[in-house]
Protein backbone atom coordinates (compact mmCIF):
# COMPACT_ATOMS: atom_id res chain seq x y z
CA MET A 1 20.87 -26.66 -10.57
CA LYS A 2 20.94 -27.30 -6.84
CA ALA A 3 17.97 -26.07 -4.82
CA LYS A 4 18.64 -23.58 -2.04
CA LYS A 5 17.55 -24.84 1.34
CA SER A 6 17.64 -21.28 2.70
CA LEU A 7 14.86 -20.32 0.26
CA GLY A 8 12.80 -23.43 1.00
CA GLN A 9 13.08 -24.59 -2.60
CA ASN A 10 11.37 -27.88 -3.45
CA TRP A 11 10.59 -27.76 -7.15
CA LEU A 12 7.41 -29.43 -8.33
CA LYS A 13 8.13 -32.08 -10.97
CA SER A 14 4.83 -34.05 -11.07
CA GLU A 15 2.84 -33.42 -14.25
CA THR A 16 -0.26 -34.82 -12.53
CA ALA A 17 -0.02 -32.28 -9.72
CA ILE A 18 0.63 -29.45 -12.17
CA GLN A 19 -2.46 -30.32 -14.20
CA GLU A 20 -4.51 -30.48 -11.01
CA ILE A 21 -3.37 -26.94 -10.17
CA ILE A 22 -4.31 -25.75 -13.66
CA LYS A 23 -7.72 -27.42 -13.39
CA THR A 24 -8.34 -25.90 -9.96
CA ALA A 25 -7.33 -22.41 -11.10
CA ASP A 26 -9.84 -22.69 -14.00
CA LEU A 27 -8.04 -20.11 -16.12
CA ASN A 28 -8.94 -18.53 -19.44
CA GLU A 29 -6.93 -16.63 -22.05
CA ARG A 30 -7.82 -13.23 -20.56
CA GLU A 31 -6.76 -14.23 -17.04
CA LEU A 32 -3.91 -12.56 -15.21
CA VAL A 33 -1.91 -14.88 -12.94
CA LEU A 34 0.57 -13.98 -10.24
CA GLU A 35 2.98 -16.86 -9.69
CA ILE A 36 5.19 -16.75 -6.62
CA GLY A 37 8.49 -18.60 -6.85
CA PRO A 38 8.36 -20.02 -10.41
CA GLY A 39 11.61 -21.91 -9.85
CA GLN A 40 12.74 -23.47 -13.14
CA GLY A 41 9.40 -22.75 -14.80
CA LYS A 42 7.63 -26.10 -15.03
CA LEU A 43 4.33 -24.80 -13.59
CA THR A 44 4.87 -21.47 -15.38
CA GLY A 45 4.88 -23.22 -18.74
CA ALA A 46 1.58 -24.93 -17.95
CA LEU A 47 0.01 -21.62 -16.93
CA LEU A 48 1.12 -20.00 -20.17
CA SER A 49 -0.11 -22.96 -22.21
CA VAL A 50 -3.75 -22.22 -21.29
CA GLY A 51 -3.37 -18.67 -22.57
CA ALA A 52 -3.02 -16.80 -19.28
CA THR A 53 -0.74 -13.81 -18.85
CA VAL A 54 1.71 -14.63 -16.07
CA ILE A 55 3.54 -12.30 -13.70
CA ALA A 56 6.20 -14.32 -11.89
CA VAL A 57 8.09 -13.08 -8.86
CA GLU A 58 11.39 -14.86 -8.24
CA LYS A 59 13.90 -14.05 -5.50
CA ASP A 60 16.70 -16.42 -6.53
CA ASP A 61 19.28 -14.58 -8.69
CA ARG A 62 20.31 -17.81 -10.43
CA LEU A 63 16.85 -18.50 -11.82
CA ILE A 64 16.25 -15.13 -13.47
CA GLU A 65 18.52 -15.98 -16.40
CA VAL A 66 17.00 -19.47 -16.69
CA LEU A 67 13.44 -18.13 -16.83
CA THR A 68 14.32 -15.22 -19.14
CA GLU A 69 15.83 -17.60 -21.67
CA LYS A 70 13.14 -20.26 -21.36
CA PHE A 71 10.24 -17.85 -21.87
CA ALA A 72 11.89 -15.32 -24.18
CA ALA A 73 9.07 -15.55 -26.74
CA GLU A 74 6.36 -14.94 -24.13
CA ILE A 75 8.33 -12.04 -22.63
CA LYS A 76 8.63 -10.45 -26.07
CA VAL A 77 4.85 -10.39 -26.61
CA GLY A 78 4.08 -9.38 -23.02
CA ARG A 79 2.50 -12.64 -21.86
CA PHE A 80 5.20 -13.32 -19.29
CA ILE A 81 6.47 -10.65 -16.94
CA LEU A 82 9.35 -11.64 -14.68
CA ILE A 83 10.05 -9.66 -11.51
CA HIS A 84 13.29 -10.20 -9.60
CA ASP A 85 12.22 -9.46 -6.03
CA ASP A 86 11.18 -10.84 -2.67
CA ILE A 87 7.40 -11.27 -2.75
CA LEU A 88 7.11 -10.05 0.84
CA ASN A 89 8.74 -6.73 -0.12
CA LEU A 90 6.92 -6.20 -3.41
CA ASP A 91 4.13 -3.59 -3.52
CA PHE A 92 2.02 -5.68 -5.85
CA SER A 93 -1.13 -3.52 -5.59
CA SER A 94 0.71 -0.53 -7.11
CA PHE A 95 2.29 -2.71 -9.79
CA PHE A 96 -1.07 -4.30 -10.61
CA SER A 97 -2.78 -0.90 -10.92
CA SER A 98 -0.19 0.36 -13.39
CA LEU A 99 -0.39 -2.89 -15.35
CA LYS A 100 -4.18 -2.72 -15.66
CA THR A 101 -3.97 0.81 -17.08
CA ASN A 102 -1.96 -0.51 -20.02
CA ARG A 103 -3.68 -3.89 -20.49
CA ARG A 104 -7.41 -3.34 -20.62
CA LYS A 105 -8.12 -6.65 -22.36
CA LEU A 106 -7.24 -8.59 -19.22
CA THR A 107 -9.77 -9.51 -16.55
CA ALA A 108 -10.35 -7.00 -13.73
CA SER A 109 -8.68 -9.17 -11.09
CA TYR A 110 -6.04 -11.86 -10.89
CA CYS A 111 -5.44 -15.39 -9.69
CA LEU A 112 -2.55 -16.14 -7.35
CA VAL A 113 -0.82 -19.47 -7.95
CA ALA A 114 2.14 -20.59 -5.87
CA ASN A 115 4.18 -23.53 -4.72
CA ILE A 116 4.90 -21.85 -1.38
CA PRO A 117 8.04 -22.40 0.68
CA TYR A 118 6.68 -23.89 3.90
CA TYR A 119 8.23 -21.25 6.14
CA LEU A 120 6.50 -18.40 4.26
CA THR A 121 2.99 -19.85 4.16
CA GLY A 122 1.37 -17.66 6.79
CA GLN A 123 3.07 -14.46 5.65
CA ILE A 124 2.11 -14.87 1.99
CA ILE A 125 -1.49 -15.77 2.76
CA ARG A 126 -1.91 -12.78 5.09
CA LYS A 127 -0.20 -10.37 2.67
CA PHE A 128 -2.56 -11.10 -0.21
CA LEU A 129 -5.83 -11.84 1.57
CA SER A 130 -5.63 -8.60 3.54
CA GLN A 131 -4.90 -6.41 0.50
CA GLU A 132 -7.11 -3.34 0.71
CA LYS A 133 -6.80 -2.20 -2.90
CA ILE A 134 -6.62 -5.42 -4.89
CA GLN A 135 -7.22 -8.88 -3.49
CA PRO A 136 -6.82 -11.91 -5.75
CA ALA A 137 -10.08 -13.37 -7.00
CA LYS A 138 -8.78 -16.79 -5.98
CA MET A 139 -5.63 -18.43 -4.70
CA VAL A 140 -4.37 -21.89 -5.63
CA LEU A 141 -1.57 -22.85 -3.27
CA MET A 142 0.73 -25.79 -2.84
CA LEU A 143 1.57 -25.98 0.83
CA GLN A 144 2.34 -28.41 3.60
CA LYS A 145 -0.41 -31.00 3.94
CA GLU A 146 -0.94 -30.52 7.67
CA VAL A 147 -1.18 -26.74 7.27
CA ALA A 148 -3.79 -27.15 4.52
CA LYS A 149 -5.80 -29.44 6.80
CA ARG A 150 -5.67 -26.89 9.62
CA ILE A 151 -6.89 -24.14 7.31
CA VAL A 152 -10.01 -26.08 6.26
CA ALA A 153 -10.66 -27.31 9.82
CA LYS A 154 -14.26 -27.65 10.91
CA ASP A 155 -15.90 -26.53 14.15
CA GLY A 156 -13.95 -27.35 17.26
CA LYS A 157 -10.56 -27.44 15.57
CA GLU A 158 -10.09 -23.86 14.46
CA SER A 159 -6.72 -22.10 14.56
CA LEU A 160 -5.59 -18.52 14.17
CA LEU A 161 -4.57 -19.28 10.57
CA SER A 162 -7.82 -21.04 9.63
CA LEU A 163 -9.97 -18.20 10.99
CA SER A 164 -7.75 -15.61 9.31
CA VAL A 165 -8.28 -17.30 5.94
CA LYS A 166 -12.02 -17.83 6.41
CA ALA A 167 -12.50 -14.19 7.33
CA PHE A 168 -11.61 -13.29 3.73
CA GLY A 169 -12.51 -16.34 1.63
CA GLU A 170 -13.59 -19.96 1.42
CA PRO A 171 -10.79 -22.55 1.63
CA LYS A 172 -11.13 -25.95 -0.04
CA TYR A 173 -8.74 -28.89 0.25
CA ILE A 174 -8.25 -30.14 -3.31
CA LYS A 175 -5.72 -32.96 -3.28
CA THR A 176 -2.80 -34.46 -1.36
CA VAL A 177 0.51 -34.32 -3.24
CA PRO A 178 3.15 -36.82 -2.05
CA ALA A 179 6.67 -35.75 -1.17
CA GLY A 180 7.99 -37.67 -4.19
CA ALA A 181 6.34 -35.13 -6.51
CA PHE A 182 9.09 -32.63 -5.66
CA PHE A 183 12.82 -32.25 -6.15
CA PRO A 184 14.53 -32.29 -3.80
CA LYS A 185 12.09 -34.49 -1.91
CA PRO A 186 10.76 -32.79 1.26
CA LYS A 187 10.23 -34.68 4.50
CA VAL A 188 6.44 -34.26 4.46
CA ASP A 189 3.58 -34.45 1.96
CA SER A 190 1.98 -31.36 0.48
CA ALA A 191 -1.53 -30.43 -0.63
CA ILE A 192 -3.25 -28.22 -3.18
CA LEU A 193 -5.48 -25.67 -1.46
CA LEU A 194 -8.03 -23.42 -3.18
CA ILE A 195 -9.18 -20.18 -1.54
CA HIS A 196 -12.04 -18.65 -3.48
CA ASN A 197 -14.90 -16.13 -3.06
CA ILE A 198 -12.30 -13.75 -1.64
CA SER A 199 -13.51 -10.36 -0.44
CA ARG A 200 -13.43 -7.90 2.47
CA ARG A 201 -17.17 -8.15 3.07
CA HIS A 202 -16.75 -8.91 6.80
CA PHE A 203 -14.77 -5.78 7.52
CA GLN A 204 -15.82 -2.16 7.70
CA ALA A 205 -13.91 0.81 9.11
CA GLU A 206 -11.69 -0.54 11.93
CA GLY A 207 -13.39 -3.92 12.13
CA GLU A 208 -10.41 -5.80 10.71
CA THR A 209 -7.98 -4.48 13.32
CA LYS A 210 -10.35 -5.28 16.18
CA PHE A 211 -11.05 -8.74 14.79
CA PHE A 212 -7.40 -9.75 14.56
CA ASP A 213 -6.53 -8.15 17.90
CA LEU A 214 -9.24 -10.29 19.51
CA LEU A 215 -8.04 -13.47 17.77
CA LYS A 216 -4.40 -12.91 18.67
CA LYS A 217 -5.31 -12.34 22.31
CA ALA A 218 -7.43 -15.50 22.36
CA PHE A 219 -4.90 -17.77 20.65
CA SER A 220 -1.83 -16.47 22.49
CA GLN A 221 -2.89 -18.79 25.31
CA LYS A 222 -5.43 -20.92 23.50
CA ARG A 223 -5.89 -23.46 26.29
CA LYS A 224 -7.18 -20.84 28.69
CA LYS A 225 -10.88 -20.07 29.01
CA LEU A 226 -11.92 -17.14 26.89
CA GLY A 227 -13.92 -15.41 29.61
CA SER A 228 -10.75 -14.69 31.53
CA ARG A 229 -8.69 -13.82 28.44
CA LEU A 230 -10.71 -11.43 26.33
CA GLY A 231 -11.90 -8.86 28.85
CA LEU A 232 -15.47 -8.91 27.54
CA THR A 233 -18.30 -8.16 29.95
CA ALA A 234 -20.50 -11.01 31.16
CA GLU A 235 -23.61 -9.89 29.26
CA VAL A 236 -21.89 -10.24 25.86
CA TRP A 237 -21.60 -14.05 25.96
CA PRO A 238 -25.31 -14.98 26.19
CA LEU A 239 -26.11 -12.56 23.38
CA CYS A 240 -24.07 -14.85 21.11
CA ASN A 241 -25.21 -18.11 22.75
CA LEU A 242 -21.64 -18.74 23.84
CA ASN A 243 -20.07 -20.00 27.04
CA PRO A 244 -17.25 -17.87 28.54
CA ASN A 245 -15.62 -21.15 29.58
CA SER A 246 -15.03 -21.99 25.92
CA ARG A 247 -11.54 -22.10 24.47
CA ALA A 248 -10.33 -20.30 21.36
CA GLU A 249 -10.42 -23.34 19.06
CA ASP A 250 -14.07 -24.04 19.98
CA LEU A 251 -15.50 -20.91 18.35
CA ARG A 252 -16.50 -20.63 14.70
CA LEU A 253 -15.89 -17.58 12.52
CA ASP A 254 -19.45 -16.29 13.03
CA ASP A 255 -19.01 -16.54 16.81
CA TRP A 256 -16.05 -14.16 16.73
CA PHE A 257 -17.91 -11.62 14.64
CA CYS A 258 -20.90 -11.89 16.98
CA LEU A 259 -18.70 -11.20 20.01
CA LEU A 260 -17.18 -8.17 18.32
CA ASP A 261 -20.58 -6.84 17.30
CA ALA A 262 -22.14 -7.40 20.73
CA ASP A 263 -19.21 -5.78 22.51
CA SER A 264 -19.30 -2.80 20.14
CA HIS A 265 -23.02 -2.26 20.80
CA ARG A 266 -22.43 -2.50 24.55
CA GLN A 267 -19.67 0.10 24.42
CA ASN A 268 -21.82 2.46 22.36
CA ALA A 269 -24.69 2.03 24.83
CA ASP A 270 -22.39 2.97 27.70
CA LYS A 271 -21.38 6.26 26.11
């Protein structure tokens, strides 16, 4: 079967990479896994082999019949659930809630595993990390190598994406996967990325909206000095031991939360 370029399909064929994903996910027989874009089912089979229950969401019409036939036995006993849909349109939190009502032997959360089409990386990560009702306990993602490196960036090299991920969980670069591990072969290497310890602990009430509004404003012109971009009063910066001449990529996650907190206290004091 020919891969569809329009869907960003590069099917993983490397058994070594697949086993590294399984090892990183650290699954058990009571685990519930959401797999995005199972393709022809090579990774799916490995997930099922460790005893996990797999929900796979596949957009490509052609692959539904392939997967239904390949995993007929697992479908029959309820260990493989195939959804024909676009993951960006699927209300997974509602589906998950109804599933948990009928399957009490499964763990209380789920693990997201995906070989992500490069062009959907940011959208998929944001969709699931920002879930209010049911976030994944962990995410094991195959994505473009350079994107994975940006996500785990250290101080002084932060990006909007890296801060967005770190606001909800802890990213860890697991392993580089060469382009030859896929069919068809992409033009760049990929990497396995783990995001774990996922929660909404940093956000209360409207804190999430304010946080991302501030980040978007800062990174929309990231080379400009923050003091002239963010509209924060002068007294806020020393409270966080920060220089208003800093640029967006210079600040760590804690710095952004400090600025928000200091500005909120200042506004309340002015009322």
